[in-house]
Amino acid sequence: MDTVTNDADKTTVVSRRQRFNTAGVVCAVAGAAILIFGLVALARADLDGTFNEPIFQVAGFNHTQTLAFIEVILGVMLLVAGMTSNLSGMRVLGALTVIGALVALIEPGILGGNLELEGGYVMIVLLLGAAALIAAAVLPTIERNSSRVSTHHEADRNQHVA
């Protein structure tokens, strides 16, 4: 922002605001973890078969193509919410992840058993969703403001040119 004080002087104020959202980091890490599971699962999947067969292992947990697609979509959404520091998005996606994981714990045969969910894996997803939700609710956003003011005198400028 430029402010002219008189005809001979020119004052320039440069302000910078830096924000660091700690909740965004937690949410992005949770999203990246789920996304990695999904991408590894898709790499191992036989995309010519049905969505619930074959069943294959990722990090010791059963997976199907359907589960892999859900993981990729959820992981990308959490990652984007974390990277954009969208607290509302982090809260909603964290809550949906927790709710989905709780439903899967109560009813492991959800979607007719097409997901092949195991309790240990569901607990991991539950913890990642809870971490994103809690982080978005309680972790602070660190903000730092700085300003620099400089005044340029027309007389000084003319001496440097001559």
N, C-alpha and C. Protein backbone atom coordinates (compact mmCIF):
# COMPACT_ATOMS: atom_id res chain seq x y z
N MET A 1 0.85 -1.16 0.00
CA MET A 1 0.00 0.00 0.00
C MET A 1 0.90 1.23 0.00
N ASP A 2 0.68 2.13 -0.94
CA ASP A 2 1.47 3.35 -1.04
C ASP A 2 0.68 4.51 -0.45
N THR A 3 1.37 5.35 0.34
CA THR A 3 0.77 6.55 0.90
C THR A 3 1.70 7.71 0.59
N VAL A 4 1.21 8.71 -0.12
CA VAL A 4 2.03 9.87 -0.46
C VAL A 4 1.87 10.90 0.65
N THR A 5 2.99 11.31 1.29
CA THR A 5 2.93 12.27 2.38
C THR A 5 3.05 13.71 1.88
N ASN A 6 3.84 13.95 0.85
CA ASN A 6 3.89 15.25 0.19
C ASN A 6 4.49 15.04 -1.19
N ASP A 7 4.71 16.13 -1.92
CA ASP A 7 5.20 15.98 -3.29
C ASP A 7 6.62 15.42 -3.36
N ALA A 8 7.42 15.64 -2.33
CA ALA A 8 8.82 15.24 -2.38
C ALA A 8 9.08 13.88 -1.73
N ASP A 9 8.16 13.36 -0.91
CA ASP A 9 8.37 12.11 -0.21
C ASP A 9 7.34 11.07 -0.63
N LYS A 10 7.75 9.83 -0.56
CA LYS A 10 6.84 8.73 -0.85
C LYS A 10 7.05 7.67 0.23
N THR A 11 6.00 7.31 0.96
CA THR A 11 6.08 6.33 2.03
C THR A 11 5.42 5.04 1.54
N THR A 12 6.13 3.95 1.73
CA THR A 12 5.61 2.64 1.34
C THR A 12 5.51 1.77 2.57
N VAL A 13 4.35 1.16 2.76
CA VAL A 13 4.14 0.23 3.87
C VAL A 13 3.89 -1.15 3.26
N VAL A 14 4.72 -2.10 3.64
CA VAL A 14 4.57 -3.47 3.18
C VAL A 14 4.18 -4.33 4.38
N SER A 15 3.01 -4.92 4.33
CA SER A 15 2.54 -5.77 5.42
C SER A 15 2.45 -7.21 4.92
N ARG A 16 2.87 -8.13 5.78
CA ARG A 16 2.77 -9.56 5.46
C ARG A 16 2.10 -10.28 6.60
N ARG A 17 1.24 -11.19 6.24
CA ARG A 17 0.57 -12.02 7.24
C ARG A 17 0.85 -13.47 6.90
N GLN A 18 1.41 -14.18 7.83
CA GLN A 18 1.71 -15.60 7.65
C GLN A 18 0.84 -16.39 8.60
N ARG A 19 0.21 -17.46 8.06
CA ARG A 19 -0.64 -18.31 8.88
C ARG A 19 -0.16 -19.75 8.77
N PHE A 20 -0.17 -20.41 9.89
CA PHE A 20 0.16 -21.83 9.93
C PHE A 20 -0.94 -22.53 10.70
N ASN A 21 -1.66 -23.40 10.01
CA ASN A 21 -2.79 -24.08 10.61
C ASN A 21 -2.34 -25.48 11.03
N THR A 22 -2.15 -25.69 12.32
CA THR A 22 -1.69 -26.98 12.82
C THR A 22 -2.70 -28.09 12.55
N ALA A 23 -3.98 -27.76 12.59
CA ALA A 23 -5.02 -28.75 12.30
C ALA A 23 -4.91 -29.23 10.86
N GLY A 24 -4.53 -28.33 9.97
CA GLY A 24 -4.37 -28.70 8.57
C GLY A 24 -3.31 -29.76 8.36
N VAL A 25 -2.24 -29.66 9.14
CA VAL A 25 -1.16 -30.65 9.05
C VAL A 25 -1.67 -32.02 9.50
N VAL A 26 -2.38 -32.06 10.61
CA VAL A 26 -2.91 -33.33 11.13
C VAL A 26 -3.88 -33.93 10.12
N CYS A 27 -4.78 -33.11 9.59
CA CYS A 27 -5.78 -33.60 8.63
C CYS A 27 -5.11 -34.09 7.34
N ALA A 28 -4.13 -33.35 6.86
CA ALA A 28 -3.43 -33.75 5.64
C ALA A 28 -2.68 -35.06 5.84
N VAL A 29 -2.06 -35.24 6.99
CA VAL A 29 -1.36 -36.50 7.27
C VAL A 29 -2.35 -37.66 7.34
N ALA A 30 -3.49 -37.45 7.99
CA ALA A 30 -4.52 -38.50 8.06
C ALA A 30 -5.01 -38.84 6.66
N GLY A 31 -5.27 -37.82 5.86
CA GLY A 31 -5.72 -38.04 4.49
C GLY A 31 -4.68 -38.75 3.65
N ALA A 32 -3.42 -38.37 3.81
CA ALA A 32 -2.34 -39.02 3.06
C ALA A 32 -2.22 -40.49 3.43
N ALA A 33 -2.37 -40.81 4.72
CA ALA A 33 -2.28 -42.21 5.15
C ALA A 33 -3.39 -43.05 4.52
N ILE A 34 -4.62 -42.53 4.56
CA ILE A 34 -5.74 -43.27 3.96
C ILE A 34 -5.56 -43.36 2.45
N LEU A 35 -5.10 -42.28 1.83
CA LEU A 35 -4.87 -42.28 0.39
C LEU A 35 -3.82 -43.31 -0.01
N ILE A 36 -2.76 -43.42 0.77
CA ILE A 36 -1.71 -44.40 0.47
C ILE A 36 -2.27 -45.82 0.52
N PHE A 37 -3.08 -46.12 1.55
CA PHE A 37 -3.72 -47.44 1.60
C PHE A 37 -4.53 -47.68 0.33
N GLY A 38 -5.31 -46.68 -0.07
CA GLY A 38 -6.16 -46.84 -1.25
C GLY A 38 -5.38 -47.00 -2.53
N LEU A 39 -4.31 -46.22 -2.70
CA LEU A 39 -3.51 -46.32 -3.92
C LEU A 39 -2.77 -47.64 -4.01
N VAL A 40 -2.24 -48.11 -2.88
CA VAL A 40 -1.58 -49.42 -2.88
C VAL A 40 -2.61 -50.51 -3.20
N ALA A 41 -3.79 -50.38 -2.63
CA ALA A 41 -4.85 -51.36 -2.90
C ALA A 41 -5.23 -51.36 -4.37
N LEU A 42 -5.35 -50.17 -4.97
CA LEU A 42 -5.69 -50.12 -6.40
C LEU A 42 -4.58 -50.71 -7.26
N ALA A 43 -3.33 -50.50 -6.83
CA ALA A 43 -2.20 -51.07 -7.58
C ALA A 43 -2.22 -52.59 -7.53
N ARG A 44 -2.71 -53.14 -6.44
CA ARG A 44 -2.76 -54.60 -6.30
C ARG A 44 -4.06 -55.21 -6.81
N ALA A 45 -5.04 -54.38 -7.07
CA ALA A 45 -6.36 -54.89 -7.46
C ALA A 45 -6.35 -55.42 -8.88
N ASP A 46 -7.20 -56.40 -9.10
CA ASP A 46 -7.44 -56.91 -10.44
C ASP A 46 -8.65 -56.15 -10.96
N LEU A 47 -8.40 -55.10 -11.72
CA LEU A 47 -9.48 -54.21 -12.13
C LEU A 47 -10.39 -54.84 -13.19
N ASP A 48 -10.08 -56.05 -13.63
CA ASP A 48 -10.95 -56.74 -14.58
C ASP A 48 -12.06 -57.52 -13.89
N GLY A 49 -11.91 -57.74 -12.59
CA GLY A 49 -12.89 -58.54 -11.85
C GLY A 49 -14.04 -57.70 -11.33
N THR A 50 -14.78 -58.27 -10.41
CA THR A 50 -15.86 -57.53 -9.79
C THR A 50 -15.29 -56.65 -8.69
N PHE A 51 -16.11 -55.78 -8.15
CA PHE A 51 -15.62 -54.84 -7.15
C PHE A 51 -15.38 -55.49 -5.79
N ASN A 52 -15.92 -56.67 -5.54
CA ASN A 52 -15.72 -57.31 -4.24
C ASN A 52 -14.81 -58.53 -4.32
N GLU A 53 -14.29 -58.85 -5.47
CA GLU A 53 -13.33 -59.95 -5.62
C GLU A 53 -12.27 -59.54 -6.62
N PRO A 54 -11.08 -59.93 -6.52
CA PRO A 54 -10.52 -60.75 -5.46
C PRO A 54 -10.26 -59.93 -4.20
N ILE A 55 -10.02 -60.66 -3.13
CA ILE A 55 -9.64 -60.05 -1.86
C ILE A 55 -8.12 -60.13 -1.78
N PHE A 56 -7.48 -59.03 -1.47
CA PHE A 56 -6.02 -58.99 -1.42
C PHE A 56 -5.60 -58.24 -0.16
N GLN A 57 -4.33 -58.33 0.16
CA GLN A 57 -3.79 -57.76 1.40
C GLN A 57 -3.06 -56.44 1.13
N VAL A 58 -3.30 -55.48 2.01
CA VAL A 58 -2.53 -54.23 2.04
C VAL A 58 -2.16 -54.01 3.50
N ALA A 59 -0.87 -54.03 3.78
CA ALA A 59 -0.35 -53.86 5.14
C ALA A 59 -0.98 -54.87 6.10
N GLY A 60 -1.25 -56.06 5.62
CA GLY A 60 -1.79 -57.13 6.46
C GLY A 60 -3.30 -57.10 6.63
N PHE A 61 -4.00 -56.19 5.94
CA PHE A 61 -5.45 -56.10 6.06
C PHE A 61 -6.10 -56.43 4.72
N ASN A 62 -7.23 -57.13 4.78
CA ASN A 62 -7.98 -57.47 3.58
C ASN A 62 -8.53 -56.21 2.92
N HIS A 63 -8.51 -56.23 1.60
CA HIS A 63 -9.04 -55.12 0.81
C HIS A 63 -9.77 -55.66 -0.41
N THR A 64 -10.72 -54.88 -0.88
CA THR A 64 -11.39 -55.12 -2.16
C THR A 64 -11.27 -53.84 -2.98
N GLN A 65 -11.65 -53.93 -4.26
CA GLN A 65 -11.63 -52.74 -5.10
C GLN A 65 -12.56 -51.66 -4.57
N THR A 66 -13.71 -52.04 -4.09
CA THR A 66 -14.66 -51.07 -3.55
C THR A 66 -14.04 -50.29 -2.39
N LEU A 67 -13.42 -51.00 -1.47
CA LEU A 67 -12.76 -50.35 -0.34
C LEU A 67 -11.64 -49.44 -0.82
N ALA A 68 -10.88 -49.87 -1.82
CA ALA A 68 -9.79 -49.07 -2.35
C ALA A 68 -10.31 -47.75 -2.93
N PHE A 69 -11.41 -47.80 -3.68
CA PHE A 69 -11.97 -46.58 -4.24
C PHE A 69 -12.46 -45.63 -3.14
N ILE A 70 -13.09 -46.17 -2.12
CA ILE A 70 -13.55 -45.35 -1.00
C ILE A 70 -12.37 -44.69 -0.30
N GLU A 71 -11.29 -45.46 -0.10
CA GLU A 71 -10.09 -44.92 0.54
C GLU A 71 -9.46 -43.79 -0.27
N VAL A 72 -9.39 -43.97 -1.58
CA VAL A 72 -8.79 -42.94 -2.43
C VAL A 72 -9.63 -41.66 -2.36
N ILE A 73 -10.93 -41.77 -2.48
CA ILE A 73 -11.79 -40.58 -2.45
C ILE A 73 -11.71 -39.89 -1.09
N LEU A 74 -11.84 -40.65 -0.01
CA LEU A 74 -11.78 -40.07 1.33
C LEU A 74 -10.40 -39.46 1.60
N GLY A 75 -9.35 -40.17 1.22
CA GLY A 75 -7.99 -39.67 1.44
C GLY A 75 -7.74 -38.37 0.70
N VAL A 76 -8.17 -38.27 -0.54
CA VAL A 76 -7.99 -37.04 -1.31
C VAL A 76 -8.76 -35.89 -0.67
N MET A 77 -10.00 -36.16 -0.26
CA MET A 77 -10.81 -35.09 0.35
C MET A 77 -10.19 -34.60 1.65
N LEU A 78 -9.71 -35.50 2.49
CA LEU A 78 -9.05 -35.08 3.74
C LEU A 78 -7.76 -34.32 3.45
N LEU A 79 -7.00 -34.79 2.49
CA LEU A 79 -5.74 -34.14 2.12
C LEU A 79 -6.00 -32.72 1.61
N VAL A 80 -6.98 -32.55 0.75
CA VAL A 80 -7.30 -31.23 0.22
C VAL A 80 -7.80 -30.30 1.33
N ALA A 81 -8.67 -30.81 2.19
CA ALA A 81 -9.17 -29.99 3.31
C ALA A 81 -8.01 -29.54 4.20
N GLY A 82 -7.07 -30.44 4.46
CA GLY A 82 -5.92 -30.09 5.29
C GLY A 82 -5.00 -29.09 4.61
N MET A 83 -4.77 -29.27 3.33
CA MET A 83 -3.85 -28.38 2.62
C MET A 83 -4.44 -26.99 2.40
N THR A 84 -5.76 -26.88 2.33
CA THR A 84 -6.39 -25.58 2.14
C THR A 84 -6.73 -24.93 3.48
N SER A 85 -6.46 -25.63 4.57
CA SER A 85 -6.75 -25.13 5.93
C SER A 85 -8.23 -24.82 6.12
N ASN A 86 -9.09 -25.60 5.48
CA ASN A 86 -10.53 -25.42 5.59
C ASN A 86 -11.03 -26.14 6.83
N LEU A 87 -11.17 -25.41 7.94
CA LEU A 87 -11.55 -26.03 9.21
C LEU A 87 -12.92 -26.69 9.14
N SER A 88 -13.87 -26.07 8.46
CA SER A 88 -15.20 -26.68 8.34
C SER A 88 -15.12 -28.00 7.59
N GLY A 89 -14.36 -28.02 6.51
CA GLY A 89 -14.19 -29.25 5.75
C GLY A 89 -13.50 -30.33 6.57
N MET A 90 -12.50 -29.93 7.35
CA MET A 90 -11.81 -30.90 8.20
C MET A 90 -12.75 -31.50 9.23
N ARG A 91 -13.58 -30.64 9.82
CA ARG A 91 -14.53 -31.13 10.83
C ARG A 91 -15.55 -32.08 10.22
N VAL A 92 -16.12 -31.70 9.08
CA VAL A 92 -17.14 -32.53 8.43
C VAL A 92 -16.54 -33.86 7.99
N LEU A 93 -15.40 -33.81 7.31
CA LEU A 93 -14.79 -35.05 6.83
C LEU A 93 -14.29 -35.92 7.99
N GLY A 94 -13.74 -35.29 9.03
CA GLY A 94 -13.34 -36.06 10.20
C GLY A 94 -14.53 -36.74 10.85
N ALA A 95 -15.63 -36.00 10.98
CA ALA A 95 -16.84 -36.57 11.57
C ALA A 95 -17.40 -37.70 10.71
N LEU A 96 -17.44 -37.52 9.39
CA LEU A 96 -17.93 -38.58 8.50
C LEU A 96 -17.05 -39.83 8.57
N THR A 97 -15.75 -39.62 8.68
CA THR A 97 -14.82 -40.76 8.80
C THR A 97 -15.08 -41.51 10.10
N VAL A 98 -15.24 -40.78 11.20
CA VAL A 98 -15.51 -41.41 12.49
C VAL A 98 -16.84 -42.16 12.45
N ILE A 99 -17.87 -41.52 11.92
CA ILE A 99 -19.20 -42.16 11.84
C ILE A 99 -19.14 -43.40 10.98
N GLY A 100 -18.50 -43.30 9.81
CA GLY A 100 -18.37 -44.46 8.93
C GLY A 100 -17.62 -45.61 9.59
N ALA A 101 -16.55 -45.28 10.31
CA ALA A 101 -15.77 -46.31 11.00
C ALA A 101 -16.58 -46.95 12.12
N LEU A 102 -17.34 -46.14 12.86
CA LEU A 102 -18.18 -46.72 13.92
C LEU A 102 -19.25 -47.64 13.35
N VAL A 103 -19.85 -47.24 12.25
CA VAL A 103 -20.84 -48.11 11.59
C VAL A 103 -20.18 -49.42 11.16
N ALA A 104 -18.96 -49.32 10.60
CA ALA A 104 -18.25 -50.52 10.16
C ALA A 104 -17.86 -51.41 11.33
N LEU A 105 -17.56 -50.83 12.49
CA LEU A 105 -17.26 -51.65 13.66
C LEU A 105 -18.51 -52.38 14.16
N ILE A 106 -19.64 -51.69 14.12
CA ILE A 106 -20.89 -52.30 14.59
C ILE A 106 -21.40 -53.33 13.60
N GLU A 107 -21.27 -53.01 12.31
CA GLU A 107 -21.78 -53.89 11.25
C GLU A 107 -20.68 -54.14 10.22
N PRO A 108 -19.77 -55.10 10.49
CA PRO A 108 -18.64 -55.34 9.58
C PRO A 108 -19.06 -55.82 8.19
N GLY A 109 -20.25 -56.36 8.06
CA GLY A 109 -20.72 -56.85 6.77
C GLY A 109 -21.44 -55.79 5.96
N ILE A 110 -21.16 -54.52 6.23
CA ILE A 110 -21.82 -53.42 5.53
C ILE A 110 -21.63 -53.56 4.02
N LEU A 111 -22.59 -53.12 3.27
CA LEU A 111 -22.62 -53.25 1.80
C LEU A 111 -22.53 -54.71 1.38
N GLY A 112 -23.18 -55.56 2.11
CA GLY A 112 -23.20 -56.99 1.76
C GLY A 112 -21.86 -57.67 1.89
N GLY A 113 -20.97 -57.10 2.69
CA GLY A 113 -19.65 -57.70 2.87
C GLY A 113 -18.68 -57.38 1.76
N ASN A 114 -19.05 -56.48 0.84
CA ASN A 114 -18.20 -56.16 -0.31
C ASN A 114 -16.94 -55.40 0.04
N LEU A 115 -16.86 -54.90 1.27
CA LEU A 115 -15.67 -54.14 1.66
C LEU A 115 -14.62 -55.01 2.33
N GLU A 116 -15.02 -56.17 2.86
CA GLU A 116 -14.07 -57.07 3.54
C GLU A 116 -13.37 -56.34 4.68
N LEU A 117 -14.14 -55.67 5.52
CA LEU A 117 -13.56 -54.87 6.59
C LEU A 117 -13.10 -55.73 7.76
N GLU A 118 -11.94 -55.38 8.28
CA GLU A 118 -11.41 -56.02 9.47
C GLU A 118 -11.38 -55.00 10.60
N GLY A 119 -11.66 -55.45 11.82
CA GLY A 119 -11.74 -54.57 12.97
C GLY A 119 -10.48 -53.75 13.20
N GLY A 120 -9.32 -54.35 13.04
CA GLY A 120 -8.06 -53.64 13.25
C GLY A 120 -7.88 -52.49 12.27
N TYR A 121 -8.22 -52.73 11.02
CA TYR A 121 -8.10 -51.69 10.02
C TYR A 121 -9.12 -50.58 10.25
N VAL A 122 -10.32 -50.96 10.62
CA VAL A 122 -11.36 -49.97 10.89
C VAL A 122 -10.94 -49.08 12.07
N MET A 123 -10.28 -49.66 13.06
CA MET A 123 -9.80 -48.86 14.19
C MET A 123 -8.76 -47.83 13.75
N ILE A 124 -7.90 -48.20 12.81
CA ILE A 124 -6.91 -47.26 12.28
C ILE A 124 -7.62 -46.08 11.61
N VAL A 125 -8.60 -46.38 10.77
CA VAL A 125 -9.36 -45.33 10.08
C VAL A 125 -10.11 -44.48 11.10
N LEU A 126 -10.68 -45.11 12.12
CA LEU A 126 -11.39 -44.39 13.18
C LEU A 126 -10.45 -43.40 13.87
N LEU A 127 -9.25 -43.85 14.21
CA LEU A 127 -8.28 -42.97 14.89
C LEU A 127 -7.82 -41.83 13.98
N LEU A 128 -7.64 -42.11 12.69
CA LEU A 128 -7.24 -41.04 11.77
C LEU A 128 -8.35 -40.00 11.62
N GLY A 129 -9.59 -40.46 11.50
CA GLY A 129 -10.72 -39.53 11.42
C GLY A 129 -10.89 -38.73 12.69
N ALA A 130 -10.73 -39.39 13.84
CA ALA A 130 -10.84 -38.69 15.13
C ALA A 130 -9.73 -37.66 15.28
N ALA A 131 -8.54 -38.00 14.82
CA ALA A 131 -7.42 -37.04 14.90
C ALA A 131 -7.73 -35.79 14.07
N ALA A 132 -8.26 -35.98 12.87
CA ALA A 132 -8.61 -34.84 12.02
C ALA A 132 -9.72 -34.00 12.65
N LEU A 133 -10.73 -34.66 13.19
CA LEU A 133 -11.86 -33.97 13.81
C LEU A 133 -11.42 -33.19 15.04
N ILE A 134 -10.69 -33.84 15.92
CA ILE A 134 -10.25 -33.18 17.16
C ILE A 134 -9.27 -32.05 16.85
N ALA A 135 -8.36 -32.27 15.91
CA ALA A 135 -7.40 -31.23 15.55
C ALA A 135 -8.12 -30.00 15.02
N ALA A 136 -9.11 -30.20 14.16
CA ALA A 136 -9.85 -29.06 13.60
C ALA A 136 -10.65 -28.33 14.67
N ALA A 137 -11.03 -29.03 15.72
CA ALA A 137 -11.84 -28.42 16.77
C ALA A 137 -11.00 -27.68 17.81
N VAL A 138 -9.77 -28.14 18.09
CA VAL A 138 -9.05 -27.57 19.23
C VAL A 138 -7.68 -26.98 18.92
N LEU A 139 -7.02 -27.38 17.86
CA LEU A 139 -5.67 -26.88 17.62
C LEU A 139 -5.69 -25.45 17.11
N PRO A 140 -4.72 -24.65 17.54
CA PRO A 140 -4.72 -23.23 17.15
C PRO A 140 -4.16 -23.01 15.75
N THR A 141 -4.53 -21.88 15.19
CA THR A 141 -3.91 -21.38 13.97
C THR A 141 -2.90 -20.34 14.42
N ILE A 142 -1.66 -20.53 14.03
CA ILE A 142 -0.58 -19.62 14.42
C ILE A 142 -0.49 -18.54 13.34
N GLU A 143 -0.58 -17.30 13.78
CA GLU A 143 -0.57 -16.19 12.84
C GLU A 143 0.51 -15.20 13.23
N ARG A 144 1.24 -14.72 12.23
CA ARG A 144 2.30 -13.75 12.47
C ARG A 144 2.16 -12.62 11.46
N ASN A 145 2.08 -11.41 11.97
CA ASN A 145 1.97 -10.22 11.13
C ASN A 145 3.27 -9.43 11.21
N SER A 146 3.71 -8.90 10.09
CA SER A 146 4.89 -8.05 10.09
C SER A 146 4.66 -6.90 9.11
N SER A 147 5.21 -5.75 9.45
CA SER A 147 5.09 -4.58 8.58
C SER A 147 6.45 -3.93 8.44
N ARG A 148 6.68 -3.37 7.28
CA ARG A 148 7.91 -2.64 7.02
C ARG A 148 7.52 -1.31 6.38
N VAL A 149 8.01 -0.22 6.93
CA VAL A 149 7.71 1.11 6.43
C VAL A 149 9.00 1.70 5.88
N SER A 150 8.92 2.23 4.68
CA SER A 150 10.09 2.91 4.12
C SER A 150 9.63 4.21 3.47
N THR A 151 10.43 5.25 3.66
CA THR A 151 10.14 6.56 3.09
C THR A 151 11.24 6.91 2.11
N HIS A 152 10.84 7.26 0.92
CA HIS A 152 11.80 7.62 -0.13
C HIS A 152 11.68 9.13 -0.35
N HIS A 153 12.80 9.85 -0.20
CA HIS A 153 12.82 11.30 -0.39
C HIS A 153 13.22 11.58 -1.82
N GLU A 154 12.49 12.46 -2.45
CA GLU A 154 12.78 12.83 -3.84
C GLU A 154 14.18 13.42 -3.98
N ALA A 155 14.61 14.18 -2.98
CA ALA A 155 15.95 14.78 -3.03
C ALA A 155 17.03 13.69 -3.03
N ASP A 156 16.85 12.60 -2.24
CA ASP A 156 17.81 11.49 -2.21
C ASP A 156 17.84 10.80 -3.56
N ARG A 157 16.71 10.62 -4.17
CA ARG A 157 16.63 9.93 -5.44
C ARG A 157 17.36 10.74 -6.53
N ASN A 158 17.21 12.07 -6.51
CA ASN A 158 17.87 12.90 -7.50
C ASN A 158 19.38 12.88 -7.34
N GLN A 159 19.89 12.76 -6.10
CA GLN A 159 21.34 12.73 -5.88
C GLN A 159 21.92 11.43 -6.42
N HIS A 160 21.18 10.31 -6.32
CA HIS A 160 21.69 9.03 -6.79
C HIS A 160 21.69 8.98 -8.33
N VAL A 161 20.79 9.66 -8.95
CA VAL A 161 20.71 9.65 -10.41
C VAL A 161 21.82 10.49 -11.02
N ALA A 162 22.16 11.64 -10.38
CA ALA A 162 23.15 12.57 -10.94
C ALA A 162 24.53 12.04 -10.96
